[in-house]
Amino acid sequence: MTAAPEGGQRVLTGTHFMLGDHACAEGALAAGLDFFGGYPITPSTEVAERLARRLPAVGGQYLQMEDELGSIMSIIGASAAGARSLTAT
């Protein structure tokens, strides 16, 4: 597994071997993700953990919520404000 790039790069370059959840997070970052509202719960814990580290480094916002309802409400609000948003459960 490769470490996340330093310096706030949105797109990984080169060849990487990674978990599917990490690939999901990296794909969202490459697509311009601005906001993640979710919480760590199996099977998506690694998506939340990866974005908790990577998203602030590229100028995005990470918000940990208490459940699925809070998560969906936070991304609806963020998208209404113009952010590209994502949740994972």
PDB file of N, CA and C in Angstrom:
ATOM      1  N   MET A   1       0.844  -1.175   0.000  1.00  0.00           N
ATOM      2  CA  MET A   1       0.000   0.000   0.000  1.00  0.00           C
ATOM      3  C   MET A   1       0.890   1.239   0.000  1.00  0.00           C
ATOM      4  N   THR A   2       0.500   2.230  -0.755  1.00  0.00           N
ATOM      5  CA  THR A   2       1.293   3.455  -0.860  1.00  0.00           C
ATOM      6  C   THR A   2       0.739   4.530   0.070  1.00  0.00           C
ATOM      7  N   ALA A   3       1.619   5.351   0.546  1.00  0.00           N
ATOM      8  CA  ALA A   3       1.204   6.458   1.404  1.00  0.00           C
ATOM      9  C   ALA A   3       0.539   7.544   0.572  1.00  0.00           C
ATOM     10  N   ALA A   4      -0.286   8.334   1.219  1.00  0.00           N
ATOM     11  CA  ALA A   4      -0.929   9.452   0.532  1.00  0.00           C
ATOM     12  C   ALA A   4       0.126  10.482   0.155  1.00  0.00           C
ATOM     13  N   PRO A   5      -0.066  11.178  -0.965  1.00  0.00           N
ATOM     14  CA  PRO A   5       0.933  12.157  -1.394  1.00  0.00           C
ATOM     15  C   PRO A   5       1.017  13.328  -0.426  1.00  0.00           C
ATOM     16  N   GLU A   6       2.187  13.876  -0.328  1.00  0.00           N
ATOM     17  CA  GLU A   6       2.406  15.047   0.518  1.00  0.00           C
ATOM     18  C   GLU A   6       2.102  16.318  -0.265  1.00  0.00           C
ATOM     19  N   GLY A   7       1.883  17.400   0.434  1.00  0.00           N
ATOM     20  CA  GLY A   7       1.734  18.690  -0.217  1.00  0.00           C
ATOM     21  C   GLY A   7       0.359  18.969  -0.800  1.00  0.00           C
ATOM     22  N   GLY A   8      -0.633  18.191  -0.447  1.00  0.00           N
ATOM     23  CA  GLY A   8      -1.982  18.495  -0.878  1.00  0.00           C
ATOM     24  C   GLY A   8      -2.279  18.219  -2.330  1.00  0.00           C
ATOM     25  N   GLN A   9      -1.695  17.206  -2.914  1.00  0.00           N
ATOM     26  CA  GLN A   9      -2.006  16.840  -4.296  1.00  0.00           C
ATOM     27  C   GLN A   9      -3.349  16.117  -4.329  1.00  0.00           C
ATOM     28  N   ARG A  10      -4.214  16.512  -5.254  1.00  0.00           N
ATOM     29  CA  ARG A  10      -5.520  15.864  -5.376  1.00  0.00           C
ATOM     30  C   ARG A  10      -5.456  14.525  -6.083  1.00  0.00           C
ATOM     31  N   VAL A  11      -4.564  14.397  -7.054  1.00  0.00           N
ATOM     32  CA  VAL A  11      -4.535  13.197  -7.893  1.00  0.00           C
ATOM     33  C   VAL A  11      -3.249  12.423  -7.652  1.00  0.00           C
ATOM     34  N   LEU A  12      -3.386  11.152  -7.322  1.00  0.00           N
ATOM     35  CA  LEU A  12      -2.223  10.278  -7.201  1.00  0.00           C
ATOM     36  C   LEU A  12      -1.674   9.983  -8.587  1.00  0.00           C
ATOM     37  N   THR A  13      -0.388   9.947  -8.715  1.00  0.00           N
ATOM     38  CA  THR A  13       0.232   9.583  -9.991  1.00  0.00           C
ATOM     39  C   THR A  13       1.030   8.307  -9.797  1.00  0.00           C
ATOM     40  N   GLY A  14       1.332   7.645 -10.884  1.00  0.00           N
ATOM     41  CA  GLY A  14       2.097   6.416 -10.803  1.00  0.00           C
ATOM     42  C   GLY A  14       1.193   5.203 -10.618  1.00  0.00           C
ATOM     43  N   THR A  15       1.799   4.088 -10.289  1.00  0.00           N
ATOM     44  CA  THR A  15       1.078   2.832 -10.087  1.00  0.00           C
ATOM     45  C   THR A  15       0.914   2.590  -8.598  1.00  0.00           C
ATOM     46  N   HIS A  16      -0.291   2.223  -8.182  1.00  0.00           N
ATOM     47  CA  HIS A  16      -0.572   2.032  -6.765  1.00  0.00           C
ATOM     48  C   HIS A  16      -1.347   0.743  -6.540  1.00  0.00           C
ATOM     49  N   PHE A  17      -1.086   0.096  -5.444  1.00  0.00           N
ATOM     50  CA  PHE A  17      -1.849  -1.051  -4.969  1.00  0.00           C
ATOM     51  C   PHE A  17      -2.522  -0.585  -3.691  1.00  0.00           C
ATOM     52  N   MET A  18      -3.878  -0.588  -3.662  1.00  0.00           N
ATOM     53  CA  MET A  18      -4.576  -0.057  -2.493  1.00  0.00           C
ATOM     54  C   MET A  18      -5.906  -0.755  -2.293  1.00  0.00           C
ATOM     55  N   LEU A  19      -6.456  -0.571  -1.124  1.00  0.00           N
ATOM     56  CA  LEU A  19      -7.782  -1.089  -0.806  1.00  0.00           C
ATOM     57  C   LEU A  19      -8.835  -0.400  -1.677  1.00  0.00           C
ATOM     58  N   GLY A  20      -9.931  -1.077  -1.916  1.00  0.00           N
ATOM     59  CA  GLY A  20     -11.020  -0.497  -2.696  1.00  0.00           C
ATOM     60  C   GLY A  20     -11.581   0.764  -2.061  1.00  0.00           C
ATOM     61  N   ASP A  21     -11.665   0.794  -0.727  1.00  0.00           N
ATOM     62  CA  ASP A  21     -12.160   1.990  -0.044  1.00  0.00           C
ATOM     63  C   ASP A  21     -11.217   3.169  -0.251  1.00  0.00           C
ATOM     64  N   HIS A  22      -9.919   2.911  -0.254  1.00  0.00           N
ATOM     65  CA  HIS A  22      -8.954   3.983  -0.517  1.00  0.00           C
ATOM     66  C   HIS A  22      -9.082   4.462  -1.957  1.00  0.00           C
ATOM     67  N   ALA A  23      -9.308   3.532  -2.880  1.00  0.00           N
ATOM     68  CA  ALA A  23      -9.494   3.905  -4.284  1.00  0.00           C
ATOM     69  C   ALA A  23     -10.738   4.772  -4.452  1.00  0.00           C
ATOM     70  N   CYS A  24     -11.796   4.450  -3.716  1.00  0.00           N
ATOM     71  CA  CYS A  24     -13.027   5.262  -3.739  1.00  0.00           C
ATOM     72  C   CYS A  24     -12.728   6.687  -3.279  1.00  0.00           C
ATOM     73  N   ALA A  25     -12.012   6.810  -2.175  1.00  0.00           N
ATOM     74  CA  ALA A  25     -11.659   8.130  -1.643  1.00  0.00           C
ATOM     75  C   ALA A  25     -10.776   8.904  -2.620  1.00  0.00           C
ATOM     76  N   GLU A  26      -9.788   8.230  -3.191  1.00  0.00           N
ATOM     77  CA  GLU A  26      -8.885   8.903  -4.127  1.00  0.00           C
ATOM     78  C   GLU A  26      -9.614   9.315  -5.405  1.00  0.00           C
ATOM     79  N   GLY A  27     -10.537   8.491  -5.870  1.00  0.00           N
ATOM     80  CA  GLY A  27     -11.331   8.848  -7.050  1.00  0.00           C
ATOM     81  C   GLY A  27     -12.194  10.068  -6.791  1.00  0.00           C
ATOM     82  N   ALA A  28     -12.776  10.141  -5.600  1.00  0.00           N
ATOM     83  CA  ALA A  28     -13.590  11.306  -5.243  1.00  0.00           C
ATOM     84  C   ALA A  28     -12.735  12.570  -5.186  1.00  0.00           C
ATOM     85  N   LEU A  29     -11.538  12.461  -4.620  1.00  0.00           N
ATOM     86  CA  LEU A  29     -10.631  13.611  -4.579  1.00  0.00           C
ATOM     87  C   LEU A  29     -10.244  14.058  -5.981  1.00  0.00           C
ATOM     88  N   ALA A  30      -9.938  13.098  -6.845  1.00  0.00           N
ATOM     89  CA  ALA A  30      -9.563  13.427  -8.222  1.00  0.00           C
ATOM     90  C   ALA A  30     -10.709  14.085  -8.970  1.00  0.00           C
ATOM     91  N   ALA A  31     -11.956  13.760  -8.590  1.00  0.00           N
ATOM     92  CA  ALA A  31     -13.131  14.344  -9.229  1.00  0.00           C
ATOM     93  C   ALA A  31     -13.500  15.706  -8.657  1.00  0.00           C
ATOM     94  N   GLY A  32     -12.775  16.168  -7.628  1.00  0.00           N
ATOM     95  CA  GLY A  32     -13.008  17.507  -7.095  1.00  0.00           C
ATOM     96  C   GLY A  32     -13.809  17.560  -5.817  1.00  0.00           C
ATOM     97  N   LEU A  33     -13.817  16.483  -5.036  1.00  0.00           N
ATOM     98  CA  LEU A  33     -14.567  16.465  -3.769  1.00  0.00           C
ATOM     99  C   LEU A  33     -14.166  17.639  -2.883  1.00  0.00           C
ATOM    100  N   ASP A  34     -15.179  18.347  -2.348  1.00  0.00           N
ATOM    101  CA  ASP A  34     -14.951  19.473  -1.441  1.00  0.00           C
ATOM    102  C   ASP A  34     -15.346  19.167  -0.005  1.00  0.00           C
ATOM    103  N   PHE A  35     -16.328  18.267   0.181  1.00  0.00           N
ATOM    104  CA  PHE A  35     -16.911  18.036   1.509  1.00  0.00           C
ATOM    105  C   PHE A  35     -17.270  16.573   1.694  1.00  0.00           C
ATOM    106  N   PHE A  36     -16.873  16.013   2.824  1.00  0.00           N
ATOM    107  CA  PHE A  36     -17.284  14.663   3.211  1.00  0.00           C
ATOM    108  C   PHE A  36     -18.003  14.756   4.536  1.00  0.00           C
ATOM    109  N   GLY A  37     -19.217  14.233   4.588  1.00  0.00           N
ATOM    110  CA  GLY A  37     -19.984  14.140   5.824  1.00  0.00           C
ATOM    111  C   GLY A  37     -20.348  12.683   6.033  1.00  0.00           C
ATOM    112  N   GLY A  38     -19.763  12.047   6.983  1.00  0.00           N
ATOM    113  CA  GLY A  38     -20.035  10.640   7.215  1.00  0.00           C
ATOM    114  C   GLY A  38     -19.490  10.219   8.557  1.00  0.00           C
ATOM    115  N   TYR A  39     -19.456   8.910   8.768  1.00  0.00           N
ATOM    116  CA  TYR A  39     -18.900   8.401  10.008  1.00  0.00           C
ATOM    117  C   TYR A  39     -18.305   7.026   9.756  1.00  0.00           C
ATOM    118  N   PRO A  40     -17.344   6.646  10.573  1.00  0.00           N
ATOM    119  CA  PRO A  40     -16.686   5.361  10.366  1.00  0.00           C
ATOM    120  C   PRO A  40     -17.584   4.201  10.802  1.00  0.00           C
ATOM    121  N   ILE A  41     -18.047   3.415   9.841  1.00  0.00           N
ATOM    122  CA  ILE A  41     -18.849   2.230  10.102  1.00  0.00           C
ATOM    123  C   ILE A  41     -18.513   1.200   9.030  1.00  0.00           C
ATOM    124  N   THR A  42     -18.397  -0.033   9.431  1.00  0.00           N
ATOM    125  CA  THR A  42     -18.100  -1.106   8.481  1.00  0.00           C
ATOM    126  C   THR A  42     -19.198  -1.146   7.443  1.00  0.00           C
ATOM    127  N   PRO A  43     -18.909  -1.233   6.172  1.00  0.00           N
ATOM    128  CA  PRO A  43     -17.624  -1.504   5.533  1.00  0.00           C
ATOM    129  C   PRO A  43     -16.922  -0.274   4.986  1.00  0.00           C
ATOM    130  N   SER A  44     -17.343   0.913   5.372  1.00  0.00           N
ATOM    131  CA  SER A  44     -16.778   2.119   4.755  1.00  0.00           C
ATOM    132  C   SER A  44     -15.832   2.897   5.660  1.00  0.00           C
ATOM    133  N   THR A  45     -15.368   2.304   6.728  1.00  0.00           N
ATOM    134  CA  THR A  45     -14.485   3.001   7.666  1.00  0.00           C
ATOM    135  C   THR A  45     -13.245   3.563   6.975  1.00  0.00           C
ATOM    136  N   GLU A  46     -12.654   2.786   6.064  1.00  0.00           N
ATOM    137  CA  GLU A  46     -11.419   3.226   5.422  1.00  0.00           C
ATOM    138  C   GLU A  46     -11.634   4.428   4.508  1.00  0.00           C
ATOM    139  N   VAL A  47     -12.841   4.573   3.931  1.00  0.00           N
ATOM    140  CA  VAL A  47     -13.139   5.763   3.122  1.00  0.00           C
ATOM    141  C   VAL A  47     -13.073   6.997   4.032  1.00  0.00           C
ATOM    142  N   ALA A  48     -13.749   6.928   5.174  1.00  0.00           N
ATOM    143  CA  ALA A  48     -13.768   8.056   6.113  1.00  0.00           C
ATOM    144  C   ALA A  48     -12.374   8.359   6.646  1.00  0.00           C
ATOM    145  N   GLU A  49     -11.626   7.317   7.014  1.00  0.00           N
ATOM    146  CA  GLU A  49     -10.279   7.538   7.555  1.00  0.00           C
ATOM    147  C   GLU A  49      -9.360   8.175   6.527  1.00  0.00           C
ATOM    148  N   ARG A  50      -9.418   7.705   5.303  1.00  0.00           N
ATOM    149  CA  ARG A  50      -8.554   8.258   4.242  1.00  0.00           C
ATOM    150  C   ARG A  50      -8.908   9.717   3.980  1.00  0.00           C
ATOM    151  N   LEU A  51     -10.209  10.011   3.881  1.00  0.00           N
ATOM    152  CA  LEU A  51     -10.620  11.387   3.608  1.00  0.00           C
ATOM    153  C   LEU A  51     -10.378  12.310   4.799  1.00  0.00           C
ATOM    154  N   ALA A  52     -10.406  11.785   6.015  1.00  0.00           N
ATOM    155  CA  ALA A  52     -10.105  12.605   7.192  1.00  0.00           C
ATOM    156  C   ALA A  52      -8.679  13.142   7.119  1.00  0.00           C
ATOM    157  N   ARG A  53      -7.768  12.353   6.544  1.00  0.00           N
ATOM    158  CA  ARG A  53      -6.379  12.794   6.383  1.00  0.00           C
ATOM    159  C   ARG A  53      -6.185  13.637   5.139  1.00  0.00           C
ATOM    160  N   ARG A  54      -6.763  13.189   4.032  1.00  0.00           N
ATOM    161  CA  ARG A  54      -6.460  13.800   2.732  1.00  0.00           C
ATOM    162  C   ARG A  54      -7.262  15.051   2.419  1.00  0.00           C
ATOM    163  N   LEU A  55      -8.530  15.080   2.783  1.00  0.00           N
ATOM    164  CA  LEU A  55      -9.400  16.181   2.354  1.00  0.00           C
ATOM    165  C   LEU A  55      -8.960  17.541   2.901  1.00  0.00           C
ATOM    166  N   PRO A  56      -8.639  17.686   4.187  1.00  0.00           N
ATOM    167  CA  PRO A  56      -8.164  18.993   4.660  1.00  0.00           C
ATOM    168  C   PRO A  56      -6.875  19.449   3.978  1.00  0.00           C
ATOM    169  N   ALA A  57      -6.037  18.513   3.570  1.00  0.00           N
ATOM    170  CA  ALA A  57      -4.772  18.866   2.922  1.00  0.00           C
ATOM    171  C   ALA A  57      -4.966  19.476   1.537  1.00  0.00           C
ATOM    172  N   VAL A  58      -6.141  19.249   0.932  1.00  0.00           N
ATOM    173  CA  VAL A  58      -6.407  19.817  -0.393  1.00  0.00           C
ATOM    174  C   VAL A  58      -7.459  20.929  -0.325  1.00  0.00           C
ATOM    175  N   GLY A  59      -7.724  21.426   0.886  1.00  0.00           N
ATOM    176  CA  GLY A  59      -8.645  22.549   1.050  1.00  0.00           C
ATOM    177  C   GLY A  59     -10.096  22.175   1.231  1.00  0.00           C
ATOM    178  N   GLY A  60     -10.381  20.889   1.440  1.00  0.00           N
ATOM    179  CA  GLY A  60     -11.763  20.448   1.650  1.00  0.00           C
ATOM    180  C   GLY A  60     -12.118  20.364   3.121  1.00  0.00           C
ATOM    181  N   GLN A  61     -13.356  20.016   3.381  1.00  0.00           N
ATOM    182  CA  GLN A  61     -13.861  19.905   4.750  1.00  0.00           C
ATOM    183  C   GLN A  61     -14.299  18.478   5.033  1.00  0.00           C
ATOM    184  N   TYR A  62     -13.933  17.962   6.204  1.00  0.00           N
ATOM    185  CA  TYR A  62     -14.345  16.642   6.662  1.00  0.00           C
ATOM    186  C   TYR A  62     -15.162  16.834   7.927  1.00  0.00           C
ATOM    187  N   LEU A  63     -16.349  16.244   7.963  1.00  0.00           N
ATOM    188  CA  LEU A  63     -17.218  16.357   9.133  1.00  0.00           C
ATOM    189  C   LEU A  63     -17.688  14.971   9.524  1.00  0.00           C
ATOM    190  N   GLN A  64     -17.349  14.542  10.745  1.00  0.00           N
ATOM    191  CA  GLN A  64     -17.804  13.242  11.222  1.00  0.00           C
ATOM    192  C   GLN A  64     -19.166  13.406  11.878  1.00  0.00           C
ATOM    193  N   MET A  65     -20.130  12.611  11.403  1.00  0.00           N
ATOM    194  CA  MET A  65     -21.493  12.681  11.908  1.00  0.00           C
ATOM    195  C   MET A  65     -21.781  11.491  12.809  1.00  0.00           C
ATOM    196  N   GLU A  66     -22.969  11.489  13.414  1.00  0.00           N
ATOM    197  CA  GLU A  66     -23.319  10.436  14.369  1.00  0.00           C
ATOM    198  C   GLU A  66     -24.054   9.253  13.750  1.00  0.00           C
ATOM    199  N   ASP A  67     -24.671   9.438  12.588  1.00  0.00           N
ATOM    200  CA  ASP A  67     -25.404   8.339  11.951  1.00  0.00           C
ATOM    201  C   ASP A  67     -25.689   8.672  10.494  1.00  0.00           C
ATOM    202  N   GLU A  68     -26.415   7.749   9.802  1.00  0.00           N
ATOM    203  CA  GLU A  68     -26.707   7.935   8.380  1.00  0.00           C
ATOM    204  C   GLU A  68     -27.549   9.182   8.117  1.00  0.00           C
ATOM    205  N   LEU A  69     -28.509   9.456   8.985  1.00  0.00           N
ATOM    206  CA  LEU A  69     -29.367  10.627   8.780  1.00  0.00           C
ATOM    207  C   LEU A  69     -28.570  11.926   8.877  1.00  0.00           C
ATOM    208  N   GLY A  70     -27.714  12.021   9.879  1.00  0.00           N
ATOM    209  CA  GLY A  70     -26.867  13.205  10.000  1.00  0.00           C
ATOM    210  C   GLY A  70     -25.941  13.360   8.808  1.00  0.00           C
ATOM    211  N   SER A  71     -25.416  12.235   8.337  1.00  0.00           N
ATOM    212  CA  SER A  71     -24.508  12.264   7.184  1.00  0.00           C
ATOM    213  C   SER A  71     -25.201  12.786   5.939  1.00  0.00           C
ATOM    214  N   ILE A  72     -26.382  12.254   5.650  1.00  0.00           N
ATOM    215  CA  ILE A  72     -27.079  12.673   4.427  1.00  0.00           C
ATOM    216  C   ILE A  72     -27.527  14.135   4.525  1.00  0.00           C
ATOM    217  N   MET A  73     -27.938  14.550   5.721  1.00  0.00           N
ATOM    218  CA  MET A  73     -28.339  15.957   5.880  1.00  0.00           C
ATOM    219  C   MET A  73     -27.149  16.897   5.682  1.00  0.00           C
ATOM    220  N   SER A  74     -25.977  16.491   6.167  1.00  0.00           N
ATOM    221  CA  SER A  74     -24.806  17.361   6.011  1.00  0.00           C
ATOM    222  C   SER A  74     -24.396  17.485   4.547  1.00  0.00           C
ATOM    223  N   ILE A  75     -24.465  16.392   3.773  1.00  0.00           N
ATOM    224  CA  ILE A  75     -24.056  16.513   2.373  1.00  0.00           C
ATOM    225  C   ILE A  75     -25.115  17.191   1.525  1.00  0.00           C
ATOM    226  N   ILE A  76     -26.379  17.080   1.913  1.00  0.00           N
ATOM    227  CA  ILE A  76     -27.425  17.834   1.208  1.00  0.00           C
ATOM    228  C   ILE A  76     -27.191  19.332   1.404  1.00  0.00           C
ATOM    229  N   GLY A  77     -26.908  19.724   2.635  1.00  0.00           N
ATOM    230  CA  GLY A  77     -26.624  21.133   2.914  1.00  0.00           C
ATOM    231  C   GLY A  77     -25.392  21.631   2.185  1.00  0.00           C
ATOM    232  N   ALA A  78     -24.336  20.814   2.195  1.00  0.00           N
ATOM    233  CA  ALA A  78     -23.101  21.207   1.506  1.00  0.00           C
ATOM    234  C   ALA A  78     -23.313  21.323   0.003  1.00  0.00           C
ATOM    235  N   SER A  79     -24.072  20.384  -0.575  1.00  0.00           N
ATOM    236  CA  SER A  79     -24.302  20.456  -2.026  1.00  0.00           C
ATOM    237  C   SER A  79     -25.201  21.632  -2.382  1.00  0.00           C
ATOM    238  N   ALA A  80     -26.155  21.967  -1.505  1.00  0.00           N
ATOM    239  CA  ALA A  80     -27.002  23.134  -1.747  1.00  0.00           C
ATOM    240  C   ALA A  80     -26.173  24.425  -1.721  1.00  0.00           C
ATOM    241  N   ALA A  81     -25.064  24.394  -0.958  1.00  0.00           N
ATOM    242  CA  ALA A  81     -24.181  25.543  -0.895  1.00  0.00           C
ATOM    243  C   ALA A  81     -23.136  25.535  -2.015  1.00  0.00           C
ATOM    244  N   GLY A  82     -23.186  24.517  -2.882  1.00  0.00           N
ATOM    245  CA  GLY A  82     -22.308  24.479  -4.044  1.00  0.00           C
ATOM    246  C   GLY A  82     -21.100  23.572  -3.923  1.00  0.00           C
ATOM    247  N   ALA A  83     -20.986  22.814  -2.840  1.00  0.00           N
ATOM    248  CA  ALA A  83     -19.830  21.930  -2.668  1.00  0.00           C
ATOM    249  C   ALA A  83     -20.087  20.574  -3.340  1.00  0.00           C
ATOM    250  N   ARG A  84     -19.033  19.985  -3.857  1.00  0.00           N
ATOM    251  CA  ARG A  84     -19.113  18.592  -4.315  1.00  0.00           C
ATOM    252  C   ARG A  84     -18.980  17.745  -3.067  1.00  0.00           C
ATOM    253  N   SER A  85     -20.029  17.014  -2.717  1.00  0.00           N
ATOM    254  CA  SER A  85     -20.070  16.337  -1.437  1.00  0.00           C
ATOM    255  C   SER A  85     -20.249  14.826  -1.577  1.00  0.00           C
ATOM    256  N   LEU A  86     -19.874  14.109  -0.507  1.00  0.00           N
ATOM    257  CA  LEU A  86     -19.904  12.660  -0.497  1.00  0.00           C
ATOM    258  C   LEU A  86     -20.146  12.155   0.915  1.00  0.00           C
ATOM    259  N   THR A  87     -20.889  11.045   1.012  1.00  0.00           N
ATOM    260  CA  THR A  87     -20.968  10.282   2.242  1.00  0.00           C
ATOM    261  C   THR A  87     -20.719   8.834   1.899  1.00  0.00           C
ATOM    262  N   ALA A  88     -20.389   8.036   2.884  1.00  0.00           N
ATOM    263  CA  ALA A  88     -20.181   6.602   2.677  1.00  0.00           C
ATOM    264  C   ALA A  88     -20.666   5.870   3.918  1.00  0.00           C
ATOM    265  N   THR A  89     -21.487   4.867   3.711  1.00  0.00           N
ATOM    266  CA  THR A  89     -21.964   4.062   4.845  1.00  0.00           C
ATOM    267  C   THR A  89     -21.934   2.590   4.482  1.00  0.00           C
TER     268      THR A  89
END
